[in-house]
Amino acid sequence: MRLGPKAPDGTDFVAAAGECRIPLKVLDVPAKDIRDLYDADLVLVRPDQHVAWRAGARPDGAKAIMSRVVGS
């Protein structure tokens, strides 16, 4: 999820998911209160609704994060 009115670009995760063959859907939620709830601008949520990763900026190593999230 890209949260808040000024969420960073999430294309690093989209590209990494494609390379790892992981299905990924990007959800933009511009509301500031949702951003404050997660205390992050970018949030990666697993299909079982667990937050797997979150941060306030674009990550270095999105592919490594995606691999770790799926246990590769």
PDB file of N, CA and C in Angstrom:
ATOM      1  N   MET A   1       0.850  -1.170   0.000  1.00  0.00           N
ATOM      2  CA  MET A   1       0.000   0.000   0.000  1.00  0.00           C
ATOM      3  C   MET A   1       0.895   1.232   0.000  1.00  0.00           C
ATOM      4  N   ARG A   2       0.466   2.226  -0.745  1.00  0.00           N
ATOM      5  CA  ARG A   2       1.116   3.537  -0.729  1.00  0.00           C
ATOM      6  C   ARG A   2       0.191   4.441   0.067  1.00  0.00           C
ATOM      7  N   LEU A   3       0.677   4.916   1.210  1.00  0.00           N
ATOM      8  CA  LEU A   3      -0.192   5.625   2.141  1.00  0.00           C
ATOM      9  C   LEU A   3       0.137   7.098   2.253  1.00  0.00           C
ATOM     10  N   GLY A   4      -0.899   7.901   2.402  1.00  0.00           N
ATOM     11  CA  GLY A   4      -0.731   9.332   2.602  1.00  0.00           C
ATOM     12  C   GLY A   4      -0.733  10.094   1.298  1.00  0.00           C
ATOM     13  N   PRO A   5      -0.851  11.411   1.421  1.00  0.00           N
ATOM     14  CA  PRO A   5      -0.945  12.248   0.225  1.00  0.00           C
ATOM     15  C   PRO A   5       0.357  12.358  -0.568  1.00  0.00           C
ATOM     16  N   LYS A   6       1.491  12.011   0.034  1.00  0.00           N
ATOM     17  CA  LYS A   6       2.783  12.125  -0.653  1.00  0.00           C
ATOM     18  C   LYS A   6       3.558  10.816  -0.582  1.00  0.00           C
ATOM     19  N   ALA A   7       2.884   9.706  -0.812  1.00  0.00           N
ATOM     20  CA  ALA A   7       3.525   8.394  -0.725  1.00  0.00           C
ATOM     21  C   ALA A   7       4.600   8.240  -1.797  1.00  0.00           C
ATOM     22  N   PRO A   8       5.707   7.599  -1.435  1.00  0.00           N
ATOM     23  CA  PRO A   8       6.764   7.353  -2.418  1.00  0.00           C
ATOM     24  C   PRO A   8       6.302   6.405  -3.513  1.00  0.00           C
ATOM     25  N   ASP A   9       7.016   6.424  -4.599  1.00  0.00           N
ATOM     26  CA  ASP A   9       6.759   5.530  -5.725  1.00  0.00           C
ATOM     27  C   ASP A   9       6.987   4.084  -5.274  1.00  0.00           C
ATOM     28  N   GLY A  10       6.148   3.180  -5.693  1.00  0.00           N
ATOM     29  CA  GLY A  10       6.292   1.772  -5.319  1.00  0.00           C
ATOM     30  C   GLY A  10       6.740   0.879  -6.462  1.00  0.00           C
ATOM     31  N   THR A  11       7.273   1.473  -7.524  1.00  0.00           N
ATOM     32  CA  THR A  11       7.632   0.676  -8.698  1.00  0.00           C
ATOM     33  C   THR A  11       8.750  -0.321  -8.411  1.00  0.00           C
ATOM     34  N   ASP A  12       9.610  -0.041  -7.426  1.00  0.00           N
ATOM     35  CA  ASP A  12      10.665  -1.000  -7.073  1.00  0.00           C
ATOM     36  C   ASP A  12      10.048  -2.331  -6.641  1.00  0.00           C
ATOM     37  N   PHE A  13       8.980  -2.264  -5.849  1.00  0.00           N
ATOM     38  CA  PHE A  13       8.311  -3.473  -5.398  1.00  0.00           C
ATOM     39  C   PHE A  13       7.576  -4.160  -6.540  1.00  0.00           C
ATOM     40  N   VAL A  14       6.977  -3.407  -7.418  1.00  0.00           N
ATOM     41  CA  VAL A  14       6.265  -3.988  -8.561  1.00  0.00           C
ATOM     42  C   VAL A  14       7.253  -4.756  -9.431  1.00  0.00           C
ATOM     43  N   ALA A  15       8.398  -4.166  -9.708  1.00  0.00           N
ATOM     44  CA  ALA A  15       9.420  -4.831 -10.527  1.00  0.00           C
ATOM     45  C   ALA A  15       9.958  -6.073  -9.815  1.00  0.00           C
ATOM     46  N   ALA A  16      10.239  -5.952  -8.521  1.00  0.00           N
ATOM     47  CA  ALA A  16      10.771  -7.085  -7.755  1.00  0.00           C
ATOM     48  C   ALA A  16       9.765  -8.226  -7.699  1.00  0.00           C
ATOM     49  N   ALA A  17       8.502  -7.911  -7.507  1.00  0.00           N
ATOM     50  CA  ALA A  17       7.464  -8.942  -7.471  1.00  0.00           C
ATOM     51  C   ALA A  17       7.392  -9.667  -8.812  1.00  0.00           C
ATOM     52  N   GLY A  18       7.493  -8.915  -9.892  1.00  0.00           N
ATOM     53  CA  GLY A  18       7.483  -9.532 -11.216  1.00  0.00           C
ATOM     54  C   GLY A  18       8.662 -10.464 -11.419  1.00  0.00           C
ATOM     55  N   GLU A  19       9.839 -10.029 -11.002  1.00  0.00           N
ATOM     56  CA  GLU A  19      11.034 -10.862 -11.137  1.00  0.00           C
ATOM     57  C   GLU A  19      10.926 -12.134 -10.298  1.00  0.00           C
ATOM     58  N   CYS A  20      10.325 -12.028  -9.130  1.00  0.00           N
ATOM     59  CA  CYS A  20      10.186 -13.170  -8.212  1.00  0.00           C
ATOM     60  C   CYS A  20       8.921 -13.983  -8.478  1.00  0.00           C
ATOM     61  N   ARG A  21       8.119 -13.544  -9.439  1.00  0.00           N
ATOM     62  CA  ARG A  21       6.840 -14.191  -9.770  1.00  0.00           C
ATOM     63  C   ARG A  21       5.903 -14.250  -8.567  1.00  0.00           C
ATOM     64  N   ILE A  22       5.823 -13.117  -7.892  1.00  0.00           N
ATOM     65  CA  ILE A  22       4.945 -12.967  -6.732  1.00  0.00           C
ATOM     66  C   ILE A  22       3.804 -12.045  -7.142  1.00  0.00           C
ATOM     67  N   PRO A  23       2.558 -12.479  -7.001  1.00  0.00           N
ATOM     68  CA  PRO A  23       1.449 -11.579  -7.332  1.00  0.00           C
ATOM     69  C   PRO A  23       1.438 -10.382  -6.377  1.00  0.00           C
ATOM     70  N   LEU A  24       1.257  -9.211  -6.929  1.00  0.00           N
ATOM     71  CA  LEU A  24       1.271  -7.990  -6.124  1.00  0.00           C
ATOM     72  C   LEU A  24       0.256  -7.004  -6.668  1.00  0.00           C
ATOM     73  N   LYS A  25      -0.528  -6.466  -5.789  1.00  0.00           N
ATOM     74  CA  LYS A  25      -1.482  -5.419  -6.145  1.00  0.00           C
ATOM     75  C   LYS A  25      -1.118  -4.178  -5.348  1.00  0.00           C
ATOM     76  N   VAL A  26      -1.016  -3.038  -6.021  1.00  0.00           N
ATOM     77  CA  VAL A  26      -0.692  -1.777  -5.361  1.00  0.00           C
ATOM     78  C   VAL A  26      -1.988  -1.036  -5.063  1.00  0.00           C
ATOM     79  N   LEU A  27      -2.124  -0.622  -3.834  1.00  0.00           N
ATOM     80  CA  LEU A  27      -3.299   0.118  -3.397  1.00  0.00           C
ATOM     81  C   LEU A  27      -2.842   1.488  -2.917  1.00  0.00           C
ATOM     82  N   ASP A  28      -3.346   2.542  -3.540  1.00  0.00           N
ATOM     83  CA  ASP A  28      -3.040   3.916  -3.116  1.00  0.00           C
ATOM     84  C   ASP A  28      -4.128   4.398  -2.176  1.00  0.00           C
ATOM     85  N   VAL A  29      -3.721   4.794  -0.975  1.00  0.00           N
ATOM     86  CA  VAL A  29      -4.652   5.322   0.024  1.00  0.00           C
ATOM     87  C   VAL A  29      -4.114   6.695   0.432  1.00  0.00           C
ATOM     88  N   PRO A  30      -4.656   7.770  -0.146  1.00  0.00           N
ATOM     89  CA  PRO A  30      -4.087   9.097   0.081  1.00  0.00           C
ATOM     90  C   PRO A  30      -4.430   9.739   1.423  1.00  0.00           C
ATOM     91  N   ALA A  31      -5.293   9.130   2.205  1.00  0.00           N
ATOM     92  CA  ALA A  31      -5.712   9.747   3.472  1.00  0.00           C
ATOM     93  C   ALA A  31      -4.569   9.768   4.485  1.00  0.00           C
ATOM     94  N   LYS A  32      -4.336  10.927   5.078  1.00  0.00           N
ATOM     95  CA  LYS A  32      -3.261  11.089   6.047  1.00  0.00           C
ATOM     96  C   LYS A  32      -3.489  10.250   7.301  1.00  0.00           C
ATOM     97  N   ASP A  33      -4.734  10.094   7.725  1.00  0.00           N
ATOM     98  CA  ASP A  33      -4.997   9.343   8.952  1.00  0.00           C
ATOM     99  C   ASP A  33      -4.640   7.865   8.802  1.00  0.00           C
ATOM    100  N   ILE A  34      -4.770   7.312   7.608  1.00  0.00           N
ATOM    101  CA  ILE A  34      -4.368   5.924   7.381  1.00  0.00           C
ATOM    102  C   ILE A  34      -2.853   5.817   7.427  1.00  0.00           C
ATOM    103  N   ARG A  35      -2.167   6.792   6.851  1.00  0.00           N
ATOM    104  CA  ARG A  35      -0.710   6.820   6.897  1.00  0.00           C
ATOM    105  C   ARG A  35      -0.252   6.866   8.354  1.00  0.00           C
ATOM    106  N   ASP A  36      -0.903   7.682   9.155  1.00  0.00           N
ATOM    107  CA  ASP A  36      -0.550   7.797  10.569  1.00  0.00           C
ATOM    108  C   ASP A  36      -0.834   6.501  11.326  1.00  0.00           C
ATOM    109  N   LEU A  37      -1.886   5.795  10.955  1.00  0.00           N
ATOM    110  CA  LEU A  37      -2.229   4.535  11.603  1.00  0.00           C
ATOM    111  C   LEU A  37      -1.113   3.502  11.435  1.00  0.00           C
ATOM    112  N   TYR A  38      -0.566   3.403  10.233  1.00  0.00           N
ATOM    113  CA  TYR A  38       0.514   2.446   9.958  1.00  0.00           C
ATOM    114  C   TYR A  38       1.887   3.011  10.293  1.00  0.00           C
ATOM    115  N   ASP A  39       1.978   4.318  10.511  1.00  0.00           N
ATOM    116  CA  ASP A  39       3.246   4.994  10.790  1.00  0.00           C
ATOM    117  C   ASP A  39       4.283   4.686   9.701  1.00  0.00           C
ATOM    118  N   ALA A  40       3.812   4.699   8.455  1.00  0.00           N
ATOM    119  CA  ALA A  40       4.679   4.402   7.317  1.00  0.00           C
ATOM    120  C   ALA A  40       4.029   4.922   6.040  1.00  0.00           C
ATOM    121  N   ASP A  41       4.868   5.138   5.032  1.00  0.00           N
ATOM    122  CA  ASP A  41       4.377   5.575   3.729  1.00  0.00           C
ATOM    123  C   ASP A  41       4.153   4.393   2.786  1.00  0.00           C
ATOM    124  N   LEU A  42       4.945   3.353   2.965  1.00  0.00           N
ATOM    125  CA  LEU A  42       4.819   2.140   2.160  1.00  0.00           C
ATOM    126  C   LEU A  42       4.631   0.957   3.096  1.00  0.00           C
ATOM    127  N   VAL A  43       3.651   0.111   2.794  1.00  0.00           N
ATOM    128  CA  VAL A  43       3.354  -1.058   3.624  1.00  0.00           C
ATOM    129  C   VAL A  43       3.124  -2.249   2.709  1.00  0.00           C
ATOM    130  N   LEU A  44       3.795  -3.349   3.023  1.00  0.00           N
ATOM    131  CA  LEU A  44       3.621  -4.583   2.283  1.00  0.00           C
ATOM    132  C   LEU A  44       2.813  -5.528   3.169  1.00  0.00           C
ATOM    133  N   VAL A  45       1.615  -5.887   2.691  1.00  0.00           N
ATOM    134  CA  VAL A  45       0.697  -6.721   3.463  1.00  0.00           C
ATOM    135  C   VAL A  45       0.546  -8.071   2.758  1.00  0.00           C
ATOM    136  N   ARG A  46       0.738  -9.140   3.521  1.00  0.00           N
ATOM    137  CA  ARG A  46       0.587 -10.480   2.962  1.00  0.00           C
ATOM    138  C   ARG A  46      -0.892 -10.776   2.734  1.00  0.00           C
ATOM    139  N   PRO A  47      -1.200 -11.798   1.920  1.00  0.00           N
ATOM    140  CA  PRO A  47      -2.602 -12.165   1.691  1.00  0.00           C
ATOM    141  C   PRO A  47      -3.372 -12.524   2.962  1.00  0.00           C
ATOM    142  N   ASP A  48      -2.653 -12.975   4.010  1.00  0.00           N
ATOM    143  CA  ASP A  48      -3.324 -13.302   5.266  1.00  0.00           C
ATOM    144  C   ASP A  48      -3.482 -12.076   6.174  1.00  0.00           C
ATOM    145  N   GLN A  49      -3.214 -10.907   5.613  1.00  0.00           N
ATOM    146  CA  GLN A  49      -3.409  -9.603   6.257  1.00  0.00           C
ATOM    147  C   GLN A  49      -2.347  -9.237   7.287  1.00  0.00           C
ATOM    148  N   HIS A  50      -1.265  -9.981   7.366  1.00  0.00           N
ATOM    149  CA  HIS A  50      -0.153  -9.613   8.241  1.00  0.00           C
ATOM    150  C   HIS A  50       0.716  -8.579   7.527  1.00  0.00           C
ATOM    151  N   VAL A  51       1.155  -7.573   8.264  1.00  0.00           N
ATOM    152  CA  VAL A  51       2.079  -6.594   7.705  1.00  0.00           C
ATOM    153  C   VAL A  51       3.458  -7.240   7.670  1.00  0.00           C
ATOM    154  N   ALA A  52       3.987  -7.406   6.460  1.00  0.00           N
ATOM    155  CA  ALA A  52       5.278  -8.067   6.277  1.00  0.00           C
ATOM    156  C   ALA A  52       6.433  -7.077   6.309  1.00  0.00           C
ATOM    157  N   TRP A  53       6.163  -5.838   5.935  1.00  0.00           N
ATOM    158  CA  TRP A  53       7.219  -4.826   5.866  1.00  0.00           C
ATOM    159  C   TRP A  53       6.553  -3.465   5.799  1.00  0.00           C
ATOM    160  N   ARG A  54       7.214  -2.453   6.363  1.00  0.00           N
ATOM    161  CA  ARG A  54       6.735  -1.070   6.229  1.00  0.00           C
ATOM    162  C   ARG A  54       7.914  -0.127   6.402  1.00  0.00           C
ATOM    163  N   ALA A  55       7.804   1.036   5.784  1.00  0.00           N
ATOM    164  CA  ALA A  55       8.877   2.028   5.858  1.00  0.00           C
ATOM    165  C   ALA A  55       8.343   3.393   5.457  1.00  0.00           C
ATOM    166  N   GLY A  56       9.128   4.397   5.770  1.00  0.00           N
ATOM    167  CA  GLY A  56       8.759   5.767   5.458  1.00  0.00           C
ATOM    168  C   GLY A  56       9.338   6.274   4.157  1.00  0.00           C
ATOM    169  N   ALA A  57      10.068   5.419   3.431  1.00  0.00           N
ATOM    170  CA  ALA A  57      10.692   5.845   2.181  1.00  0.00           C
ATOM    171  C   ALA A  57      10.866   4.638   1.271  1.00  0.00           C
ATOM    172  N   ARG A  58      11.212   4.909   0.027  1.00  0.00           N
ATOM    173  CA  ARG A  58      11.486   3.823  -0.914  1.00  0.00           C
ATOM    174  C   ARG A  58      12.626   2.975  -0.380  1.00  0.00           C
ATOM    175  N   PRO A  59      12.519   1.661  -0.529  1.00  0.00           N
ATOM    176  CA  PRO A  59      13.546   0.787   0.033  1.00  0.00           C
ATOM    177  C   PRO A  59      14.744   0.615  -0.890  1.00  0.00           C
ATOM    178  N   ASP A  60      15.858   0.289  -0.297  1.00  0.00           N
ATOM    179  CA  ASP A  60      16.981  -0.246  -1.058  1.00  0.00           C
ATOM    180  C   ASP A  60      16.801  -1.753  -1.015  1.00  0.00           C
ATOM    181  N   GLY A  61      16.895  -2.394  -2.130  1.00  0.00           N
ATOM    182  CA  GLY A  61      16.806  -3.846  -2.144  1.00  0.00           C
ATOM    183  C   GLY A  61      15.398  -4.396  -2.059  1.00  0.00           C
ATOM    184  N   ALA A  62      14.487  -3.884  -2.863  1.00  0.00           N
ATOM    185  CA  ALA A  62      13.107  -4.365  -2.853  1.00  0.00           C
ATOM    186  C   ALA A  62      13.037  -5.851  -3.170  1.00  0.00           C
ATOM    187  N   LYS A  63      13.896  -6.330  -4.055  1.00  0.00           N
ATOM    188  CA  LYS A  63      13.871  -7.751  -4.412  1.00  0.00           C
ATOM    189  C   LYS A  63      14.238  -8.610  -3.196  1.00  0.00           C
ATOM    190  N   ALA A  64      15.207  -8.190  -2.414  1.00  0.00           N
ATOM    191  CA  ALA A  64      15.600  -8.934  -1.212  1.00  0.00           C
ATOM    192  C   ALA A  64      14.457  -8.945  -0.195  1.00  0.00           C
ATOM    193  N   ILE A  65      13.758  -7.837  -0.079  1.00  0.00           N
ATOM    194  CA  ILE A  65      12.610  -7.758   0.841  1.00  0.00           C
ATOM    195  C   ILE A  65      11.521  -8.716   0.383  1.00  0.00           C
ATOM    196  N   MET A  66      11.206  -8.700  -0.895  1.00  0.00           N
ATOM    197  CA  MET A  66      10.165  -9.588  -1.423  1.00  0.00           C
ATOM    198  C   MET A  66      10.555 -11.056  -1.230  1.00  0.00           C
ATOM    199  N   SER A  67      11.802 -11.390  -1.472  1.00  0.00           N
ATOM    200  CA  SER A  67      12.261 -12.761  -1.294  1.00  0.00           C
ATOM    201  C   SER A  67      12.150 -13.194   0.165  1.00  0.00           C
ATOM    202  N   ARG A  68      12.508 -12.319   1.072  1.00  0.00           N
ATOM    203  CA  ARG A  68      12.433 -12.644   2.496  1.00  0.00           C
ATOM    204  C   ARG A  68      10.981 -12.844   2.931  1.00  0.00           C
ATOM    205  N   VAL A  69      10.090 -12.007   2.418  1.00  0.00           N
ATOM    206  CA  VAL A  69       8.681 -12.082   2.797  1.00  0.00           C
ATOM    207  C   VAL A  69       8.073 -13.434   2.408  1.00  0.00           C
ATOM    208  N   VAL A  70       8.481 -13.975   1.266  1.00  0.00           N
ATOM    209  CA  VAL A  70       7.918 -15.255   0.831  1.00  0.00           C
ATOM    210  C   VAL A  70       8.782 -16.445   1.245  1.00  0.00           C
ATOM    211  N   GLY A  71       9.850 -16.187   1.976  1.00  0.00           N
ATOM    212  CA  GLY A  71      10.683 -17.264   2.511  1.00  0.00           C
ATOM    213  C   GLY A  71      11.657 -17.872   1.522  1.00  0.00           C
ATOM    214  N   SER A  72      12.048 -17.109   0.523  1.00  0.00           N
ATOM    215  CA  SER A  72      13.014 -17.617  -0.459  1.00  0.00           C
ATOM    216  C   SER A  72      14.430 -17.393   0.025  1.00  0.00           C
TER     217      SER A  72
END
